[in-house]
Amino acid sequence: MTRFEGIGDRGGIKGIFVCGLTSALWLVARRSRVLALPMRGESSGNRAVSFSCFHNSNCHDGFILGTAAGGTRICQIPPKMHYEAKWPVRKLSLKCTPHHVQYLPDFKLYALSTSTLVRWKEPVVEEDDSHFQNLVNTRRAKAMAVGGVEEQFSLRLLNPGSLECAWQHVLDPGEHVQTVRNVQLRNTKSGALQSMLAVGTAWPGGEDTPCRGRILLFDVAWKMTYAATGQHSTSSGNTNQPEWQGRVACERDAKMACTALSGLEGHLVVAIGNKLVVHQWDGELLHPVAFFDTPLHTVTINVVKNFILLGDLQKGCLFLRWKDTGHEKLLVQLSKDFEHLDVLATEFLVDGNQLSMLCADTVGNAYSFSYDPKSTESWKGEKLLTKASFFVGRYVLGLSQIPASLCSHTRLTLYFIFPKPREPDGAV
């Protein structure tokens, strides 16, 4: 155990660093409390066995770790961190309302959709488009009822370390972002697999107004920019700075809202209203090649190989299979949930060669389903079998899986449930 003080910015933190046979532990004293913060992501060879404070001109208020393999690491605590919670937290001032956060593994960036209020601007409507005219009239009435303003969404790309905005795209006023995904699409002309950012949007109007939507594909890449003469260089002395840039590669209008999407073996599967449509990419346009009629309103799409899991807002889960034989492309329903759950989130459970499904409903329950056509209770595979269920107690807004290894020969998958915070008493 080693006592430390003044590590980090803004006066730093103080406490005790504990080295053990497993992971190291930070015992931090904050506001008359002692918090235990374990160090994550360390292998057995990089396990910390010694600790000491370190400070010089190149490493302000840092520390040194000695590893079990005989190495030394000079470290710093990330700036602007708060340690009053169970996990270190950093707050980012956006000056707008965030809605979706999605990590893009191919670009190693965070995609963030935000909205802000703007003044109402009359859109251009074609004379023969009566449905869009009704939608504009409904939007105008709602905007004038709240002072002549409406929401305008934008899409941002954030760097994981600094959380700085690397690139931003502003959508049309009144267009809401429904889903954001990092997908890999195969170009039918060149045969190359291209990683892109896919966004599904909608123009909500109301129960009596038809809703429109769009599918947006963004091509994201980075290039080196050179600082002008006389500007300060980076800390390493290099004036070259990588800069992320994005462009709209494709826009496809839809007659209904695009509520969910995902990549499917080089294709793009999108939930458009009460239909599930599979598109293929030719480098310029998206072409529909297959469709499937969904029950009511699809809120989530999860894909593992050629298996698809759909979550419907009122009709439960559907388990589909994608068949691409070269001369025909089909979406085949294998099984479904007959409980008619009000699903909010779904995810696949992968345990070796066993594939199960996890879903969460609006009541606060989580269910685990399996597909077993050999079981007599599954009605020859038409019914998803409930293997487990438990009460979470709150709305579950998202499910995520993270592969982790406990030792050199054991691997498992961790599943995190993100409950919605409980509203204070008296709130609407």
Protein backbone atom coordinates (compact mmCIF):
# COMPACT_ATOMS: atom_id res chain seq x y z
CA MET A 1 0.00 0.00 0.00
CA THR A 2 1.26 3.45 -0.97
CA ARG A 3 -0.18 6.77 0.12
CA PHE A 4 -0.44 9.52 -2.52
CA GLU A 5 -1.57 13.14 -2.81
CA GLY A 6 -1.98 15.69 -5.60
CA ILE A 7 -2.34 13.29 -8.54
CA GLY A 8 -4.34 14.81 -11.39
CA ASP A 9 -5.41 18.33 -12.30
CA ARG A 10 -7.43 20.84 -10.23
CA GLY A 11 -5.63 20.00 -7.01
CA GLY A 12 -5.62 16.28 -7.68
CA ILE A 13 -6.87 13.40 -5.61
CA LYS A 14 -5.47 11.76 -2.50
CA GLY A 15 -5.75 8.30 -1.07
CA ILE A 16 -4.04 4.91 -0.98
CA PHE A 17 -2.91 2.73 -3.89
CA VAL A 18 -3.19 -1.01 -3.13
CA CYS A 19 -1.24 -3.62 -5.17
CA GLY A 20 -2.47 -7.20 -5.02
CA LEU A 21 -2.27 -10.56 -6.72
CA THR A 22 -5.13 -9.61 -9.05
CA SER A 23 -5.95 -6.03 -10.12
CA ALA A 24 -4.77 -2.92 -8.32
CA LEU A 25 -7.16 -0.78 -6.29
CA TRP A 26 -7.42 2.96 -5.76
CA LEU A 27 -8.82 4.02 -2.37
CA VAL A 28 -9.76 7.66 -3.01
CA ALA A 29 -10.98 10.05 -0.31
CA ARG A 30 -13.58 12.46 -1.74
CA ARG A 31 -16.00 14.62 0.24
CA SER A 32 -15.71 12.69 3.52
CA ARG A 33 -16.10 9.38 1.73
CA VAL A 34 -13.73 6.60 0.68
CA LEU A 35 -14.28 5.21 -2.83
CA ALA A 36 -12.72 1.98 -4.11
CA LEU A 37 -11.82 2.32 -7.82
CA PRO A 38 -10.25 -0.82 -9.37
CA MET A 39 -7.87 -0.67 -12.32
CA ARG A 40 -9.37 -2.38 -15.39
CA GLY A 41 -7.94 -3.97 -18.52
CA GLU A 42 -4.68 -5.31 -17.10
CA SER A 43 -3.19 -8.67 -18.06
CA SER A 44 -1.20 -10.84 -15.67
CA GLY A 45 2.12 -9.63 -17.11
CA ASN A 46 1.18 -5.94 -16.88
CA ARG A 47 -0.18 -6.24 -13.35
CA ALA A 48 0.98 -3.36 -11.14
CA VAL A 49 3.21 -4.40 -8.24
CA SER A 50 4.62 -1.01 -7.17
CA PHE A 51 3.51 2.61 -7.25
CA SER A 52 5.07 6.05 -6.80
CA CYS A 53 4.06 9.65 -7.52
CA PHE A 54 5.88 11.33 -10.41
CA HIS A 55 5.99 14.94 -11.58
CA ASN A 56 8.16 16.79 -14.09
CA SER A 57 7.78 19.13 -17.07
CA ASN A 58 6.62 16.34 -19.41
CA CYS A 59 4.30 14.58 -16.96
CA HIS A 60 2.45 16.93 -14.63
CA ASP A 61 1.06 15.37 -11.44
CA GLY A 62 1.41 11.81 -12.72
CA PHE A 63 2.57 8.50 -11.29
CA ILE A 64 4.82 5.52 -12.08
CA LEU A 65 3.76 1.87 -12.04
CA GLY A 66 6.09 -1.10 -11.81
CA THR A 67 4.69 -4.20 -13.54
CA ALA A 68 5.06 -7.87 -12.68
CA ALA A 69 7.04 -8.44 -15.90
CA GLY A 70 9.75 -5.99 -14.74
CA GLY A 71 8.56 -3.02 -16.80
CA THR A 72 7.80 0.56 -15.88
CA ARG A 73 4.84 2.69 -16.97
CA ILE A 74 4.59 6.45 -16.61
CA CYS A 75 0.93 7.45 -16.41
CA GLN A 76 -1.37 10.42 -15.99
CA ILE A 77 -4.97 10.64 -14.86
CA PRO A 78 -7.25 12.04 -17.61
CA PRO A 79 -8.08 15.71 -16.99
CA LYS A 80 -11.47 17.10 -15.94
CA MET A 81 -12.56 13.88 -14.24
CA HIS A 82 -14.97 13.67 -11.30
CA TYR A 83 -14.48 10.97 -8.67
CA GLU A 84 -17.59 11.42 -6.54
CA ALA A 85 -19.37 8.44 -8.16
CA LYS A 86 -18.58 4.72 -8.22
CA TRP A 87 -16.89 5.18 -11.60
CA PRO A 88 -14.81 8.19 -12.70
CA VAL A 89 -17.05 10.54 -14.66
CA ARG A 90 -16.32 13.38 -17.06
CA LYS A 91 -18.98 15.90 -18.00
CA LEU A 92 -19.05 17.38 -21.51
CA SER A 93 -20.91 20.62 -22.16
CA LEU A 94 -22.87 20.21 -25.41
CA LYS A 95 -25.27 23.19 -25.16
CA CYS A 96 -27.89 20.99 -26.82
CA THR A 97 -29.93 17.86 -26.09
CA PRO A 98 -28.23 14.47 -26.69
CA HIS A 99 -30.36 11.55 -27.93
CA HIS A 100 -28.21 8.65 -29.19
CA VAL A 101 -24.62 7.59 -28.51
CA GLN A 102 -23.10 4.84 -30.63
CA TYR A 103 -19.49 3.63 -30.68
CA LEU A 104 -18.11 3.11 -34.19
CA PRO A 105 -15.50 0.32 -33.93
CA ASP A 106 -14.25 0.69 -37.50
CA PHE A 107 -13.48 4.39 -37.04
CA LYS A 108 -12.79 4.31 -33.26
CA LEU A 109 -15.10 7.27 -32.78
CA TYR A 110 -18.34 8.02 -30.98
CA ALA A 111 -21.40 9.02 -33.01
CA LEU A 112 -23.66 11.41 -31.10
CA SER A 113 -27.03 12.72 -32.25
CA THR A 114 -28.15 15.99 -30.70
CA SER A 115 -30.97 18.47 -31.17
CA THR A 116 -31.54 22.16 -30.60
CA LEU A 117 -34.41 24.57 -31.12
CA VAL A 118 -34.42 26.72 -34.27
CA ARG A 119 -36.86 29.20 -35.72
CA TRP A 120 -39.56 27.81 -37.98
CA LYS A 121 -38.69 28.02 -41.66
CA GLU A 122 -41.25 27.25 -44.33
CA PRO A 123 -40.05 24.24 -46.39
CA VAL A 124 -40.50 23.88 -50.13
CA VAL A 125 -43.40 21.53 -50.96
CA GLU A 126 -44.30 20.18 -54.38
CA GLU A 127 -47.85 20.86 -55.54
CA ASP A 128 -48.77 17.22 -56.18
CA ASP A 129 -47.37 15.96 -52.83
CA SER A 130 -50.46 16.18 -50.62
CA HIS A 131 -49.08 13.87 -47.91
CA PHE A 132 -46.01 16.02 -47.33
CA GLN A 133 -48.22 19.13 -47.35
CA ASN A 134 -50.32 17.67 -44.52
CA LEU A 135 -47.12 16.86 -42.62
CA VAL A 136 -45.85 20.43 -43.04
CA ASN A 137 -49.18 21.85 -41.83
CA THR A 138 -49.00 19.70 -38.68
CA ARG A 139 -45.39 20.69 -38.02
CA ARG A 140 -46.24 24.37 -38.51
CA ALA A 141 -49.11 24.17 -36.04
CA LYS A 142 -46.91 22.50 -33.43
CA ALA A 143 -44.12 25.04 -33.95
CA MET A 144 -46.45 28.04 -33.62
CA ALA A 145 -47.93 26.58 -30.45
CA VAL A 146 -44.51 26.71 -28.73
CA GLY A 147 -43.35 30.09 -29.94
CA GLY A 148 -42.48 29.41 -33.57
CA VAL A 149 -39.58 26.99 -32.97
CA GLU A 150 -38.94 23.32 -33.76
CA GLU A 151 -36.17 20.80 -33.18
CA GLN A 152 -33.25 20.44 -35.57
CA PHE A 153 -31.06 17.37 -35.20
CA SER A 154 -27.38 17.05 -35.97
CA LEU A 155 -24.89 14.20 -36.05
CA ARG A 156 -21.48 14.56 -34.43
CA LEU A 157 -18.37 12.42 -34.35
CA LEU A 158 -16.40 12.62 -31.08
CA ASN A 159 -12.84 11.55 -30.39
CA PRO A 160 -12.79 8.94 -27.58
CA GLY A 161 -9.95 10.54 -25.62
CA SER A 162 -10.65 14.25 -25.65
CA LEU A 163 -14.38 14.03 -26.57
CA GLU A 164 -13.84 16.88 -29.02
CA CYS A 165 -16.14 17.20 -32.01
CA ALA A 166 -14.25 15.85 -35.01
CA TRP A 167 -17.04 16.33 -37.56
CA GLN A 168 -20.67 17.45 -37.64
CA HIS A 169 -23.58 17.14 -40.06
CA VAL A 170 -26.80 19.14 -39.60
CA LEU A 171 -30.07 17.56 -40.70
CA ASP A 172 -33.15 19.31 -42.03
CA PRO A 173 -35.38 21.06 -39.47
CA GLY A 174 -38.02 18.73 -38.06
CA GLU A 175 -36.12 15.57 -39.10
CA HIS A 176 -35.48 13.31 -36.09
CA VAL A 177 -32.63 10.80 -35.84
CA GLN A 178 -34.05 7.36 -34.98
CA THR A 179 -30.99 5.10 -35.15
CA VAL A 180 -27.23 5.30 -35.83
CA ARG A 181 -25.09 2.30 -36.77
CA ASN A 182 -21.64 1.49 -38.12
CA VAL A 183 -22.25 -0.96 -41.00
CA GLN A 184 -20.09 -2.71 -43.59
CA LEU A 185 -21.59 -2.75 -47.08
CA ARG A 186 -20.31 -4.67 -50.06
CA ASN A 187 -20.07 -2.71 -53.30
CA THR A 188 -21.76 -4.77 -55.99
CA LYS A 189 -19.66 -3.15 -58.73
CA SER A 190 -16.18 -3.51 -57.23
CA GLY A 191 -16.86 -6.28 -54.69
CA ALA A 192 -15.06 -4.32 -51.94
CA LEU A 193 -16.39 -4.24 -48.38
CA GLN A 194 -16.74 -0.62 -47.25
CA SER A 195 -17.32 0.58 -43.70
CA MET A 196 -19.90 3.37 -43.51
CA LEU A 197 -22.03 5.26 -41.02
CA ALA A 198 -25.78 4.59 -41.51
CA VAL A 199 -28.50 6.81 -40.05
CA GLY A 200 -32.27 6.31 -40.06
CA THR A 201 -34.48 9.39 -39.67
CA ALA A 202 -38.15 10.32 -39.50
CA TRP A 203 -40.40 13.38 -39.74
CA PRO A 204 -42.99 12.68 -37.01
CA GLY A 205 -46.27 14.50 -37.37
CA GLY A 206 -48.90 12.76 -35.28
CA GLU A 207 -51.46 9.98 -35.33
CA ASP A 208 -53.44 11.48 -38.21
CA THR A 209 -50.45 12.61 -40.27
CA PRO A 210 -48.31 10.38 -42.51
CA CYS A 211 -44.71 10.10 -41.38
CA ARG A 212 -41.77 10.35 -43.78
CA GLY A 213 -38.22 9.09 -43.30
CA ARG A 214 -34.77 8.87 -44.87
CA ILE A 215 -31.78 6.56 -44.97
CA LEU A 216 -28.46 8.41 -44.87
CA LEU A 217 -25.10 6.81 -45.60
CA PHE A 218 -21.94 8.70 -44.63
CA ASP A 219 -18.45 7.94 -45.87
CA VAL A 220 -16.06 8.78 -43.03
CA ALA A 221 -12.30 9.11 -43.57
CA TRP A 222 -9.40 11.05 -42.12
CA LYS A 223 -6.59 12.96 -43.75
CA MET A 224 -3.48 14.79 -42.58
CA THR A 225 -3.71 18.57 -42.42
CA TYR A 226 -0.64 20.77 -42.32
CA ALA A 227 -0.47 23.72 -39.95
CA ALA A 228 0.14 27.11 -41.48
CA THR A 229 3.47 28.86 -41.09
CA GLY A 230 3.83 30.58 -37.74
CA GLN A 231 1.35 28.36 -35.91
CA HIS A 232 2.36 26.37 -32.88
CA SER A 233 3.18 22.71 -33.44
CA THR A 234 2.04 19.77 -31.35
CA SER A 235 3.80 18.58 -28.22
CA SER A 236 5.78 16.08 -30.28
CA GLY A 237 7.01 18.82 -32.61
CA ASN A 238 4.97 17.60 -35.58
CA THR A 239 2.68 20.14 -37.26
CA ASN A 240 0.66 17.45 -39.06
CA GLN A 241 -2.79 16.92 -37.56
CA PRO A 242 -5.23 14.09 -38.51
CA GLU A 243 -8.64 15.53 -39.32
CA TRP A 244 -11.82 13.48 -39.73
CA GLN A 245 -14.05 14.33 -42.66
CA GLY A 246 -17.39 12.93 -43.71
CA ARG A 247 -19.58 13.20 -46.75
CA VAL A 248 -23.10 12.10 -47.59
CA ALA A 249 -22.59 9.08 -49.84
CA CYS A 250 -26.28 8.25 -50.33
CA GLU A 251 -29.73 9.56 -49.47
CA ARG A 252 -32.79 7.39 -49.90
CA ASP A 253 -36.26 8.71 -49.10
CA ALA A 254 -38.85 6.48 -47.46
CA LYS A 255 -42.60 6.83 -47.19
CA MET A 256 -42.49 5.81 -43.52
CA ALA A 257 -40.14 6.25 -40.58
CA CYS A 258 -36.79 4.41 -40.58
CA THR A 259 -36.79 3.23 -36.97
CA ALA A 260 -33.94 0.66 -36.93
CA LEU A 261 -31.17 -0.62 -39.18
CA SER A 262 -28.14 -2.91 -39.19
CA GLY A 263 -25.60 -4.54 -41.48
CA LEU A 264 -26.36 -8.01 -42.85
CA GLU A 265 -23.57 -9.86 -44.71
CA GLY A 266 -22.66 -6.85 -46.82
CA HIS A 267 -26.28 -5.67 -47.11
CA LEU A 268 -28.22 -3.02 -45.21
CA VAL A 269 -31.42 -4.13 -43.46
CA VAL A 270 -33.76 -1.29 -42.48
CA ALA A 271 -37.07 -1.25 -40.63
CA ILE A 272 -39.28 1.15 -42.62
CA GLY A 273 -42.66 1.44 -40.97
CA ASN A 274 -44.15 -2.06 -40.76
CA LYS A 275 -41.73 -3.53 -43.31
CA LEU A 276 -38.22 -4.89 -43.05
CA VAL A 277 -36.31 -4.10 -46.26
CA VAL A 278 -32.88 -5.42 -47.27
CA HIS A 279 -30.82 -3.13 -49.53
CA GLN A 280 -27.65 -3.69 -51.51
CA TRP A 281 -25.07 -0.99 -52.23
CA ASP A 282 -23.61 -0.29 -55.68
CA GLY A 283 -21.32 2.56 -54.63
CA GLU A 284 -23.85 5.29 -55.38
CA LEU A 285 -27.39 4.11 -54.59
CA LEU A 286 -29.23 1.66 -52.35
CA HIS A 287 -31.40 -0.91 -54.12
CA PRO A 288 -34.04 -3.00 -52.27
CA VAL A 289 -33.64 -6.73 -52.90
CA ALA A 290 -35.91 -8.35 -50.28
CA PHE A 291 -38.59 -7.42 -47.75
CA PHE A 292 -40.55 -8.90 -44.86
CA ASP A 293 -43.84 -7.70 -43.34
CA THR A 294 -43.35 -7.02 -39.64
CA PRO A 295 -46.27 -6.90 -37.15
CA LEU A 296 -46.47 -3.25 -36.07
CA HIS A 297 -43.44 -1.11 -35.14
CA THR A 298 -39.86 -2.43 -35.08
CA VAL A 299 -37.66 -0.73 -32.47
CA THR A 300 -34.48 -2.87 -32.55
CA ILE A 301 -32.58 -5.03 -35.05
CA ASN A 302 -29.74 -7.36 -34.03
CA VAL A 303 -27.74 -9.49 -36.44
CA VAL A 304 -25.43 -12.48 -35.87
CA LYS A 305 -24.14 -13.98 -39.14
CA ASN A 306 -27.35 -14.55 -41.16
CA PHE A 307 -29.71 -14.59 -38.16
CA ILE A 308 -31.85 -11.53 -37.37
CA LEU A 309 -33.60 -10.65 -34.13
CA LEU A 310 -36.40 -8.07 -34.28
CA GLY A 311 -38.00 -6.32 -31.34
CA ASP A 312 -41.54 -5.02 -31.87
CA LEU A 313 -43.03 -2.36 -29.64
CA GLN A 314 -46.21 -4.37 -28.98
CA LYS A 315 -45.83 -7.78 -30.67
CA GLY A 316 -42.74 -9.21 -28.99
CA CYS A 317 -39.66 -10.69 -30.68
CA LEU A 318 -39.23 -12.25 -34.12
CA PHE A 319 -36.38 -14.54 -35.13
CA LEU A 320 -35.55 -14.47 -38.86
CA ARG A 321 -32.97 -15.97 -41.19
CA TRP A 322 -31.43 -14.38 -44.26
CA LYS A 323 -30.97 -16.62 -47.31
CA ASP A 324 -28.79 -15.48 -50.21
CA THR A 325 -28.29 -18.27 -52.74
CA GLY A 326 -27.14 -16.04 -55.58
CA HIS A 327 -30.28 -16.30 -57.68
CA GLU A 328 -32.73 -15.50 -54.84
CA LYS A 329 -32.64 -13.44 -51.66
CA LEU A 330 -35.18 -14.23 -48.95
CA LEU A 331 -36.07 -13.28 -45.39
CA VAL A 332 -37.56 -16.34 -43.67
CA GLN A 333 -39.24 -16.28 -40.27
CA LEU A 334 -37.99 -19.12 -38.06
CA SER A 335 -39.80 -18.38 -34.82
CA LYS A 336 -41.46 -15.67 -32.76
CA ASP A 337 -42.58 -14.81 -29.26
CA PHE A 338 -46.27 -15.52 -28.59
CA GLU A 339 -46.35 -13.51 -25.35
CA HIS A 340 -46.77 -10.21 -27.30
CA LEU A 341 -44.34 -8.31 -25.12
CA ASP A 342 -43.88 -4.55 -25.38
CA VAL A 343 -40.21 -4.77 -26.32
CA LEU A 344 -37.82 -1.84 -25.85
CA ALA A 345 -34.41 -3.52 -26.29
CA THR A 346 -33.05 -6.82 -27.64
CA GLU A 347 -29.66 -8.51 -27.97
CA PHE A 348 -28.21 -11.92 -28.85
CA LEU A 349 -26.65 -14.09 -26.13
CA VAL A 350 -23.68 -16.00 -27.56
CA ASP A 351 -22.18 -18.70 -25.33
CA GLY A 352 -19.86 -20.95 -27.36
CA ASN A 353 -22.04 -22.72 -29.91
CA GLN A 354 -25.25 -21.80 -28.08
CA LEU A 355 -27.30 -18.87 -29.38
CA SER A 356 -30.01 -17.32 -27.21
CA MET A 357 -31.91 -14.05 -27.23
CA LEU A 358 -32.43 -11.42 -24.54
CA CYS A 359 -35.18 -8.82 -24.56
CA ALA A 360 -36.53 -6.20 -22.16
CA ASP A 361 -40.08 -4.85 -22.09
CA THR A 362 -41.75 -1.65 -20.92
CA VAL A 363 -42.78 -3.12 -17.56
CA GLY A 364 -39.16 -3.60 -16.48
CA ASN A 365 -38.80 -7.34 -17.13
CA ALA A 366 -35.94 -9.06 -18.95
CA TYR A 367 -36.45 -12.36 -20.75
CA SER A 368 -34.11 -14.96 -22.22
CA PHE A 369 -35.40 -16.93 -25.23
CA SER A 370 -34.00 -19.85 -27.18
CA TYR A 371 -34.82 -21.41 -30.54
CA ASP A 372 -35.21 -25.18 -30.25
CA PRO A 373 -37.20 -26.77 -33.11
CA LYS A 374 -36.68 -30.26 -31.64
CA SER A 375 -38.59 -29.43 -28.48
CA THR A 376 -42.27 -30.34 -28.37
CA GLU A 377 -43.06 -27.12 -26.50
CA SER A 378 -41.80 -24.98 -29.38
CA TRP A 379 -44.51 -26.12 -31.81
CA LYS A 380 -41.95 -27.41 -34.32
CA GLY A 381 -39.82 -24.30 -33.84
CA GLU A 382 -42.54 -21.72 -34.40
CA LYS A 383 -42.43 -20.53 -30.76
CA LEU A 384 -39.48 -19.05 -28.93
CA LEU A 385 -38.99 -20.83 -25.62
CA THR A 386 -38.62 -18.75 -22.47
CA LYS A 387 -35.56 -19.97 -20.57
CA ALA A 388 -35.35 -17.31 -17.86
CA SER A 389 -36.95 -14.06 -16.75
CA PHE A 390 -36.29 -11.56 -14.02
CA PHE A 391 -37.64 -8.21 -12.89
CA VAL A 392 -35.28 -5.26 -13.36
CA GLY A 393 -37.64 -2.70 -11.86
CA ARG A 394 -37.10 0.10 -14.37
CA TYR A 395 -37.26 0.77 -18.07
CA VAL A 396 -34.34 -0.84 -19.89
CA LEU A 397 -33.29 1.36 -22.80
CA GLY A 398 -30.31 -0.60 -24.13
CA LEU A 399 -28.50 -3.93 -24.06
CA SER A 400 -24.84 -4.30 -24.99
CA GLN A 401 -22.44 -7.23 -25.08
CA ILE A 402 -18.73 -7.01 -24.33
CA PRO A 403 -16.44 -10.03 -24.81
CA ALA A 404 -14.05 -10.52 -21.90
CA SER A 405 -11.48 -13.13 -20.87
CA LEU A 406 -11.02 -14.30 -17.30
CA CYS A 407 -7.85 -16.24 -18.01
CA SER A 408 -5.85 -17.55 -20.95
CA HIS A 409 -8.25 -20.40 -21.77
CA THR A 410 -11.61 -19.05 -20.65
CA ARG A 411 -13.78 -16.55 -22.52
CA LEU A 412 -17.23 -15.28 -21.74
CA THR A 413 -19.51 -12.43 -22.71
CA LEU A 414 -20.70 -9.73 -20.34
CA TYR A 415 -24.11 -8.15 -20.92
CA PHE A 416 -24.87 -4.74 -19.52
CA ILE A 417 -28.37 -3.41 -18.92
CA PHE A 418 -28.87 0.36 -18.92
CA PRO A 419 -31.97 1.25 -16.85
CA LYS A 420 -33.76 4.53 -17.27
CA PRO A 421 -33.31 6.83 -14.23
CA ARG A 422 -36.36 7.04 -12.03
CA GLU A 423 -38.19 10.34 -12.31
CA PRO A 424 -38.74 12.38 -9.14
CA ASP A 425 -42.09 12.32 -7.44
CA GLY A 426 -44.57 14.71 -8.99
CA ALA A 427 -42.82 14.81 -12.38
CA VAL A 428 -44.86 14.33 -15.51
